Amino acid sequence: MKDRTLTTEAAVGSTRWVSSFLGMSPEAFRNRRKNLESEGFPRPDPILKLYIKADVKAWIENRRSIAPENLVVSSAKKKNINFGAL
């Protein structure tokens, strides 16, 4: 049976989707799931029995060590100073 949660349109994901999103095998995810949940990783929705993809992505974003506003901006966004005008 095809896992329809692997599509980009699906708002929810299976264990297979979660493990792939986290870059691990389904078995590795199953082995680490309790530890991840103890660190705040979202549990499957109790009605759907699937993971809400937005919650999983938000958990990853909250674990970032560099805030988005601290990222290096490209040179196209840097202010140009006209030193000849000084």
PDB file of N, CA and C in Angstrom:
ATOM      1  N   MET A   1       0.831  -1.185   0.000  1.00  0.00           N
ATOM      2  CA  MET A   1       0.000   0.000   0.000  1.00  0.00           C
ATOM      3  C   MET A   1       0.878   1.252   0.000  1.00  0.00           C
ATOM      4  N   LYS A   2       0.546   2.197  -0.841  1.00  0.00           N
ATOM      5  CA  LYS A   2       1.319   3.416  -0.987  1.00  0.00           C
ATOM      6  C   LYS A   2       1.109   4.342   0.214  1.00  0.00           C
ATOM      7  N   ASP A   3       2.189   4.921   0.718  1.00  0.00           N
ATOM      8  CA  ASP A   3       2.124   5.865   1.838  1.00  0.00           C
ATOM      9  C   ASP A   3       1.829   7.253   1.277  1.00  0.00           C
ATOM     10  N   ARG A   4       0.597   7.678   1.374  1.00  0.00           N
ATOM     11  CA  ARG A   4       0.182   8.968   0.816  1.00  0.00           C
ATOM     12  C   ARG A   4       0.670  10.159   1.638  1.00  0.00           C
ATOM     13  N   THR A   5       1.208   9.897   2.831  1.00  0.00           N
ATOM     14  CA  THR A   5       1.703  11.011   3.646  1.00  0.00           C
ATOM     15  C   THR A   5       3.069  11.504   3.182  1.00  0.00           C
ATOM     16  N   LEU A   6       3.683  10.797   2.248  1.00  0.00           N
ATOM     17  CA  LEU A   6       4.991  11.208   1.752  1.00  0.00           C
ATOM     18  C   LEU A   6       4.901  12.344   0.739  1.00  0.00           C
ATOM     19  N   THR A   7       3.699  12.715   0.339  1.00  0.00           N
ATOM     20  CA  THR A   7       3.535  13.811  -0.617  1.00  0.00           C
ATOM     21  C   THR A   7       3.694  15.153   0.088  1.00  0.00           C
ATOM     22  N   THR A   8       4.021  16.178  -0.679  1.00  0.00           N
ATOM     23  CA  THR A   8       4.150  17.514  -0.098  1.00  0.00           C
ATOM     24  C   THR A   8       2.794  18.108   0.256  1.00  0.00           C
ATOM     25  N   GLU A   9       1.736  17.611  -0.358  1.00  0.00           N
ATOM     26  CA  GLU A   9       0.398  18.134  -0.085  1.00  0.00           C
ATOM     27  C   GLU A   9      -0.157  17.658   1.252  1.00  0.00           C
ATOM     28  N   ALA A  10       0.292  16.511   1.727  1.00  0.00           N
ATOM     29  CA  ALA A  10      -0.241  15.937   2.966  1.00  0.00           C
ATOM     30  C   ALA A  10       0.181  16.777   4.172  1.00  0.00           C
ATOM     31  N   ALA A  11      -0.783  17.107   5.030  1.00  0.00           N
ATOM     32  CA  ALA A  11      -0.513  17.899   6.233  1.00  0.00           C
ATOM     33  C   ALA A  11      -0.030  17.034   7.389  1.00  0.00           C
ATOM     34  N   VAL A  12      -0.208  15.742   7.251  1.00  0.00           N
ATOM     35  CA  VAL A  12       0.199  14.808   8.301  1.00  0.00           C
ATOM     36  C   VAL A  12       1.163  13.783   7.718  1.00  0.00           C
ATOM     37  N   GLY A  13       1.953  13.176   8.599  1.00  0.00           N
ATOM     38  CA  GLY A  13       2.946  12.217   8.134  1.00  0.00           C
ATOM     39  C   GLY A  13       2.975  10.952   8.964  1.00  0.00           C
ATOM     40  N   SER A  14       3.334   9.887   8.318  1.00  0.00           N
ATOM     41  CA  SER A  14       3.473   8.581   8.964  1.00  0.00           C
ATOM     42  C   SER A  14       4.827   8.496   9.667  1.00  0.00           C
ATOM     43  N   THR A  15       5.038   7.395  10.355  1.00  0.00           N
ATOM     44  CA  THR A  15       6.344   7.139  10.963  1.00  0.00           C
ATOM     45  C   THR A  15       7.418   7.093   9.883  1.00  0.00           C
ATOM     46  N   ARG A  16       7.072   6.573   8.736  1.00  0.00           N
ATOM     47  CA  ARG A  16       8.018   6.531   7.610  1.00  0.00           C
ATOM     48  C   ARG A  16       8.398   7.944   7.173  1.00  0.00           C
ATOM     49  N   TRP A  17       7.396   8.854   7.097  1.00  0.00           N
ATOM     50  CA  TRP A  17       7.683  10.246   6.729  1.00  0.00           C
ATOM     51  C   TRP A  17       8.579  10.894   7.777  1.00  0.00           C
ATOM     52  N   VAL A  18       8.227  10.733   9.066  1.00  0.00           N
ATOM     53  CA  VAL A  18       9.000  11.359  10.143  1.00  0.00           C
ATOM     54  C   VAL A  18      10.443  10.881  10.125  1.00  0.00           C
ATOM     55  N   SER A  19      10.637   9.585  10.013  1.00  0.00           N
ATOM     56  CA  SER A  19      12.003   9.061  10.023  1.00  0.00           C
ATOM     57  C   SER A  19      12.806   9.602   8.847  1.00  0.00           C
ATOM     58  N   SER A  20      12.185   9.668   7.688  1.00  0.00           N
ATOM     59  CA  SER A  20      12.861  10.218   6.517  1.00  0.00           C
ATOM     60  C   SER A  20      13.176  11.698   6.715  1.00  0.00           C
ATOM     61  N   PHE A  21      12.221  12.448   7.252  1.00  0.00           N
ATOM     62  CA  PHE A  21      12.410  13.883   7.490  1.00  0.00           C
ATOM     63  C   PHE A  21      13.562  14.130   8.462  1.00  0.00           C
ATOM     64  N   LEU A  22      13.704  13.246   9.444  1.00  0.00           N
ATOM     65  CA  LEU A  22      14.780  13.383  10.425  1.00  0.00           C
ATOM     66  C   LEU A  22      16.095  12.767   9.949  1.00  0.00           C
ATOM     67  N   GLY A  23      16.069  12.139   8.773  1.00  0.00           N
ATOM     68  CA  GLY A  23      17.290  11.573   8.212  1.00  0.00           C
ATOM     69  C   GLY A  23      17.712  10.263   8.840  1.00  0.00           C
ATOM     70  N   MET A  24      16.735   9.472   9.262  1.00  0.00           N
ATOM     71  CA  MET A  24      17.065   8.175   9.857  1.00  0.00           C
ATOM     72  C   MET A  24      16.134   7.101   9.325  1.00  0.00           C
ATOM     73  N   SER A  25      16.496   5.876   9.567  1.00  0.00           N
ATOM     74  CA  SER A  25      15.647   4.763   9.140  1.00  0.00           C
ATOM     75  C   SER A  25      14.434   4.671  10.065  1.00  0.00           C
ATOM     76  N   PRO A  26      13.348   4.036   9.592  1.00  0.00           N
ATOM     77  CA  PRO A  26      12.190   3.845  10.475  1.00  0.00           C
ATOM     78  C   PRO A  26      12.551   3.097  11.761  1.00  0.00           C
ATOM     79  N   GLU A  27      13.442   2.120  11.663  1.00  0.00           N
ATOM     80  CA  GLU A  27      13.855   1.372  12.853  1.00  0.00           C
ATOM     81  C   GLU A  27      14.614   2.270  13.829  1.00  0.00           C
ATOM     82  N   ALA A  28      15.513   3.096  13.307  1.00  0.00           N
ATOM     83  CA  ALA A  28      16.261   4.016  14.172  1.00  0.00           C
ATOM     84  C   ALA A  28      15.312   5.000  14.850  1.00  0.00           C
ATOM     85  N   PHE A  29      14.309   5.480  14.112  1.00  0.00           N
ATOM     86  CA  PHE A  29      13.337   6.390  14.712  1.00  0.00           C
ATOM     87  C   PHE A  29      12.566   5.690  15.824  1.00  0.00           C
ATOM     88  N   ARG A  30      12.112   4.474  15.576  1.00  0.00           N
ATOM     89  CA  ARG A  30      11.381   3.727  16.609  1.00  0.00           C
ATOM     90  C   ARG A  30      12.239   3.546  17.860  1.00  0.00           C
ATOM     91  N   ASN A  31      13.524   3.293  17.678  1.00  0.00           N
ATOM     92  CA  ASN A  31      14.431   3.117  18.816  1.00  0.00           C
ATOM     93  C   ASN A  31      14.667   4.418  19.583  1.00  0.00           C
ATOM     94  N   ARG A  32      14.586   5.547  18.908  1.00  0.00           N
ATOM     95  CA  ARG A  32      14.876   6.841  19.535  1.00  0.00           C
ATOM     96  C   ARG A  32      13.630   7.641  19.886  1.00  0.00           C
ATOM     97  N   ARG A  33      12.477   7.142  19.527  1.00  0.00           N
ATOM     98  CA  ARG A  33      11.229   7.894  19.684  1.00  0.00           C
ATOM     99  C   ARG A  33      10.979   8.356  21.120  1.00  0.00           C
ATOM    100  N   LYS A  34      11.104   7.473  22.099  1.00  0.00           N
ATOM    101  CA  LYS A  34      10.854   7.847  23.507  1.00  0.00           C
ATOM    102  C   LYS A  34      11.803   8.955  23.954  1.00  0.00           C
ATOM    103  N   ASN A  35      13.061   8.856  23.566  1.00  0.00           N
ATOM    104  CA  ASN A  35      14.031   9.893  23.912  1.00  0.00           C
ATOM    105  C   ASN A  35      13.667  11.218  23.245  1.00  0.00           C
ATOM    106  N   LEU A  36      13.294  11.171  21.979  1.00  0.00           N
ATOM    107  CA  LEU A  36      12.883  12.388  21.271  1.00  0.00           C
ATOM    108  C   LEU A  36      11.658  13.014  21.936  1.00  0.00           C
ATOM    109  N   GLU A  37      10.676  12.186  22.286  1.00  0.00           N
ATOM    110  CA  GLU A  37       9.464  12.697  22.934  1.00  0.00           C
ATOM    111  C   GLU A  37       9.776  13.309  24.293  1.00  0.00           C
ATOM    112  N   SER A  38      10.756  12.765  25.007  1.00  0.00           N
ATOM    113  CA  SER A  38      11.138  13.351  26.295  1.00  0.00           C
ATOM    114  C   SER A  38      11.773  14.723  26.113  1.00  0.00           C
ATOM    115  N   GLU A  39      12.247  15.005  24.901  1.00  0.00           N
ATOM    116  CA  GLU A  39      12.818  16.312  24.568  1.00  0.00           C
ATOM    117  C   GLU A  39      11.795  17.222  23.890  1.00  0.00           C
ATOM    118  N   GLY A  40      10.531  16.823  23.921  1.00  0.00           N
ATOM    119  CA  GLY A  40       9.472  17.669  23.377  1.00  0.00           C
ATOM    120  C   GLY A  40       9.024  17.342  21.971  1.00  0.00           C
ATOM    121  N   PHE A  41       9.590  16.292  21.382  1.00  0.00           N
ATOM    122  CA  PHE A  41       9.177  15.921  20.030  1.00  0.00           C
ATOM    123  C   PHE A  41       7.689  15.591  20.040  1.00  0.00           C
ATOM    124  N   PRO A  42       6.936  16.096  19.048  1.00  0.00           N
ATOM    125  CA  PRO A  42       5.485  15.872  19.049  1.00  0.00           C
ATOM    126  C   PRO A  42       5.106  14.404  18.895  1.00  0.00           C
ATOM    127  N   ARG A  43       4.050  14.050  19.586  1.00  0.00           N
ATOM    128  CA  ARG A  43       3.488  12.702  19.472  1.00  0.00           C
ATOM    129  C   ARG A  43       2.478  12.699  18.326  1.00  0.00           C
ATOM    130  N   PRO A  44       2.138  11.535  17.821  1.00  0.00           N
ATOM    131  CA  PRO A  44       1.112  11.476  16.768  1.00  0.00           C
ATOM    132  C   PRO A  44      -0.219  12.040  17.277  1.00  0.00           C
ATOM    133  N   ASP A  45      -0.984  12.622  16.368  1.00  0.00           N
ATOM    134  CA  ASP A  45      -2.308  13.129  16.711  1.00  0.00           C
ATOM    135  C   ASP A  45      -3.160  11.961  17.205  1.00  0.00           C
ATOM    136  N   PRO A  46      -3.866  12.123  18.334  1.00  0.00           N
ATOM    137  CA  PRO A  46      -4.626  10.999  18.887  1.00  0.00           C
ATOM    138  C   PRO A  46      -5.790  10.535  18.017  1.00  0.00           C
ATOM    139  N   ILE A  47      -6.331  11.403  17.193  1.00  0.00           N
ATOM    140  CA  ILE A  47      -7.446  11.012  16.323  1.00  0.00           C
ATOM    141  C   ILE A  47      -6.935  10.440  15.009  1.00  0.00           C
ATOM    142  N   LEU A  48      -6.000  11.135  14.386  1.00  0.00           N
ATOM    143  CA  LEU A  48      -5.493  10.719  13.074  1.00  0.00           C
ATOM    144  C   LEU A  48      -4.457   9.605  13.160  1.00  0.00           C
ATOM    145  N   LYS A  49      -3.808   9.487  14.317  1.00  0.00           N
ATOM    146  CA  LYS A  49      -2.736   8.492  14.509  1.00  0.00           C
ATOM    147  C   LYS A  49      -1.554   8.745  13.576  1.00  0.00           C
ATOM    148  N   LEU A  50      -1.399  10.006  13.169  1.00  0.00           N
ATOM    149  CA  LEU A  50      -0.300  10.431  12.305  1.00  0.00           C
ATOM    150  C   LEU A  50       0.325  11.689  12.905  1.00  0.00           C
ATOM    151  N   TYR A  51       1.539  12.002  12.464  1.00  0.00           N
ATOM    152  CA  TYR A  51       2.235  13.192  12.933  1.00  0.00           C
ATOM    153  C   TYR A  51       1.785  14.407  12.131  1.00  0.00           C
ATOM    154  N   ILE A  52       1.554  15.516  12.813  1.00  0.00           N
ATOM    155  CA  ILE A  52       1.244  16.762  12.122  1.00  0.00           C
ATOM    156  C   ILE A  52       2.579  17.343  11.661  1.00  0.00           C
ATOM    157  N   LYS A  53       2.745  17.433  10.350  1.00  0.00           N
ATOM    158  CA  LYS A  53       4.029  17.842   9.781  1.00  0.00           C
ATOM    159  C   LYS A  53       4.468  19.212  10.279  1.00  0.00           C
ATOM    160  N   ALA A  54       3.538  20.152  10.408  1.00  0.00           N
ATOM    161  CA  ALA A  54       3.888  21.497  10.877  1.00  0.00           C
ATOM    162  C   ALA A  54       4.466  21.449  12.291  1.00  0.00           C
ATOM    163  N   ASP A  55       3.944  20.560  13.138  1.00  0.00           N
ATOM    164  CA  ASP A  55       4.468  20.425  14.504  1.00  0.00           C
ATOM    165  C   ASP A  55       5.883  19.860  14.497  1.00  0.00           C
ATOM    166  N   VAL A  56       6.126  18.881  13.643  1.00  0.00           N
ATOM    167  CA  VAL A  56       7.466  18.291  13.543  1.00  0.00           C
ATOM    168  C   VAL A  56       8.454  19.344  13.038  1.00  0.00           C
ATOM    169  N   LYS A  57       8.056  20.091  12.024  1.00  0.00           N
ATOM    170  CA  LYS A  57       8.929  21.137  11.479  1.00  0.00           C
ATOM    171  C   LYS A  57       9.172  22.238  12.501  1.00  0.00           C
ATOM    172  N   ALA A  58       8.144  22.613  13.275  1.00  0.00           N
ATOM    173  CA  ALA A  58       8.294  23.639  14.313  1.00  0.00           C
ATOM    174  C   ALA A  58       9.251  23.163  15.404  1.00  0.00           C
ATOM    175  N   TRP A  59       9.189  21.884  15.749  1.00  0.00           N
ATOM    176  CA  TRP A  59      10.091  21.338  16.759  1.00  0.00           C
ATOM    177  C   TRP A  59      11.541  21.461  16.287  1.00  0.00           C
ATOM    178  N   ILE A  60      11.773  21.142  15.029  1.00  0.00           N
ATOM    179  CA  ILE A  60      13.125  21.274  14.463  1.00  0.00           C
ATOM    180  C   ILE A  60      13.561  22.739  14.501  1.00  0.00           C
ATOM    181  N   GLU A  61      12.698  23.649  14.076  1.00  0.00           N
ATOM    182  CA  GLU A  61      13.031  25.082  14.070  1.00  0.00           C
ATOM    183  C   GLU A  61      13.372  25.575  15.471  1.00  0.00           C
ATOM    184  N   ASN A  62      12.634  25.111  16.470  1.00  0.00           N
ATOM    185  CA  ASN A  62      12.890  25.533  17.850  1.00  0.00           C
ATOM    186  C   ASN A  62      14.204  24.999  18.391  1.00  0.00           C
ATOM    187  N   ARG A  63      14.756  23.981  17.779  1.00  0.00           N
ATOM    188  CA  ARG A  63      16.019  23.398  18.223  1.00  0.00           C
ATOM    189  C   ARG A  63      17.224  24.051  17.553  1.00  0.00           C
ATOM    190  N   ARG A  64      16.986  24.958  16.638  1.00  0.00           N
ATOM    191  CA  ARG A  64      18.094  25.617  15.948  1.00  0.00           C
ATOM    192  C   ARG A  64      18.958  26.377  16.938  1.00  0.00           C
ATOM    193  N   SER A  65      20.251  26.344  16.741  1.00  0.00           N
ATOM    194  CA  SER A  65      21.159  27.080  17.617  1.00  0.00           C
ATOM    195  C   SER A  65      21.432  28.486  17.094  1.00  0.00           C
ATOM    196  N   ILE A  66      21.111  28.732  15.842  1.00  0.00           N
ATOM    197  CA  ILE A  66      21.283  30.060  15.250  1.00  0.00           C
ATOM    198  C   ILE A  66      19.910  30.560  14.846  1.00  0.00           C
ATOM    199  N   ALA A  67      19.497  31.678  15.438  1.00  0.00           N
ATOM    200  CA  ALA A  67      18.196  32.248  15.110  1.00  0.00           C
ATOM    201  C   ALA A  67      18.219  32.783  13.686  1.00  0.00           C
ATOM    202  N   PRO A  68      17.089  32.730  12.978  1.00  0.00           N
ATOM    203  CA  PRO A  68      17.054  33.204  11.589  1.00  0.00           C
ATOM    204  C   PRO A  68      17.547  34.639  11.420  1.00  0.00           C
ATOM    205  N   GLU A  69      17.289  35.519  12.404  1.00  0.00           N
ATOM    206  CA  GLU A  69      17.732  36.907  12.260  1.00  0.00           C
ATOM    207  C   GLU A  69      19.243  37.049  12.404  1.00  0.00           C
ATOM    208  N   ASN A  70      19.930  36.014  12.878  1.00  0.00           N
ATOM    209  CA  ASN A  70      21.381  36.051  13.027  1.00  0.00           C
ATOM    210  C   ASN A  70      22.118  35.428  11.847  1.00  0.00           C
ATOM    211  N   LEU A  71      21.387  34.967  10.865  1.00  0.00           N
ATOM    212  CA  LEU A  71      22.022  34.372   9.696  1.00  0.00           C
ATOM    213  C   LEU A  71      22.737  35.442   8.884  1.00  0.00           C
ATOM    214  N   VAL A  72      23.791  35.048   8.215  1.00  0.00           N
ATOM    215  CA  VAL A  72      24.539  35.972   7.369  1.00  0.00           C
ATOM    216  C   VAL A  72      23.688  36.335   6.164  1.00  0.00           C
ATOM    217  N   VAL A  73      23.608  37.617   5.866  1.00  0.00           N
ATOM    218  CA  VAL A  73      22.840  38.052   4.702  1.00  0.00           C
ATOM    219  C   VAL A  73      23.743  38.090   3.488  1.00  0.00           C
ATOM    220  N   SER A  74      23.149  37.921   2.347  1.00  0.00           N
ATOM    221  CA  SER A  74      23.943  37.949   1.121  1.00  0.00           C
ATOM    222  C   SER A  74      24.407  39.370   0.844  1.00  0.00           C
ATOM    223  N   SER A  75      25.424  39.502   0.016  1.00  0.00           N
ATOM    224  CA  SER A  75      25.963  40.824  -0.297  1.00  0.00           C
ATOM    225  C   SER A  75      24.935  41.700  -1.003  1.00  0.00           C
ATOM    226  N   ALA A  76      23.941  41.094  -1.631  1.00  0.00           N
ATOM    227  CA  ALA A  76      22.900  41.869  -2.308  1.00  0.00           C
ATOM    228  C   ALA A  76      22.061  42.661  -1.317  1.00  0.00           C
ATOM    229  N   LYS A  77      21.996  42.222  -0.073  1.00  0.00           N
ATOM    230  CA  LYS A  77      21.193  42.914   0.927  1.00  0.00           C
ATOM    231  C   LYS A  77      22.015  43.872   1.776  1.00  0.00           C
ATOM    232  N   LYS A  78      23.339  43.852   1.630  1.00  0.00           N
ATOM    233  CA  LYS A  78      24.191  44.741   2.416  1.00  0.00           C
ATOM    234  C   LYS A  78      24.084  46.161   1.881  1.00  0.00           C
ATOM    235  N   LYS A  79      24.184  47.102   2.793  1.00  0.00           N
ATOM    236  CA  LYS A  79      24.113  48.507   2.426  1.00  0.00           C
ATOM    237  C   LYS A  79      25.421  48.924   1.755  1.00  0.00           C
ATOM    238  N   ASN A  80      25.319  49.580   0.628  1.00  0.00           N
ATOM    239  CA  ASN A  80      26.502  50.095  -0.057  1.00  0.00           C
ATOM    240  C   ASN A  80      26.817  51.487   0.461  1.00  0.00           C
ATOM    241  N   ILE A  81      28.076  51.719   0.761  1.00  0.00           N
ATOM    242  CA  ILE A  81      28.510  53.030   1.238  1.00  0.00           C
ATOM    243  C   ILE A  81      29.324  53.681   0.135  1.00  0.00           C
ATOM    244  N   ASN A  82      28.997  54.910  -0.177  1.00  0.00           N
ATOM    245  CA  ASN A  82      29.713  55.668  -1.191  1.00  0.00           C
ATOM    246  C   ASN A  82      30.833  56.436  -0.496  1.00  0.00           C
ATOM    247  N   PHE A  83      32.037  55.837  -0.471  1.00  0.00           N
ATOM    248  CA  PHE A  83      33.162  56.474   0.204  1.00  0.00           C
ATOM    249  C   PHE A  83      33.657  57.707  -0.552  1.00  0.00           C
ATOM    250  N   GLY A  84      33.342  57.813  -1.816  1.00  0.00           N
ATOM    251  CA  GLY A  84      33.742  58.983  -2.591  1.00  0.00           C
ATOM    252  C   GLY A  84      32.987  60.236  -2.172  1.00  0.00           C
ATOM    253  N   ALA A  85      31.860  60.075  -1.518  1.00  0.00           N
ATOM    254  CA  ALA A  85      31.060  61.220  -1.092  1.00  0.00           C
ATOM    255  C   ALA A  85      31.578  61.808   0.218  1.00  0.00           C
ATOM    256  N   LEU A  86      32.504  61.128   0.875  1.00  0.00           N
ATOM    257  CA  LEU A  86      33.011  61.617   2.170  1.00  0.00           C
ATOM    258  C   LEU A  86      34.058  62.666   2.020  1.00  0.00           C
TER     259      LEU A  86
END
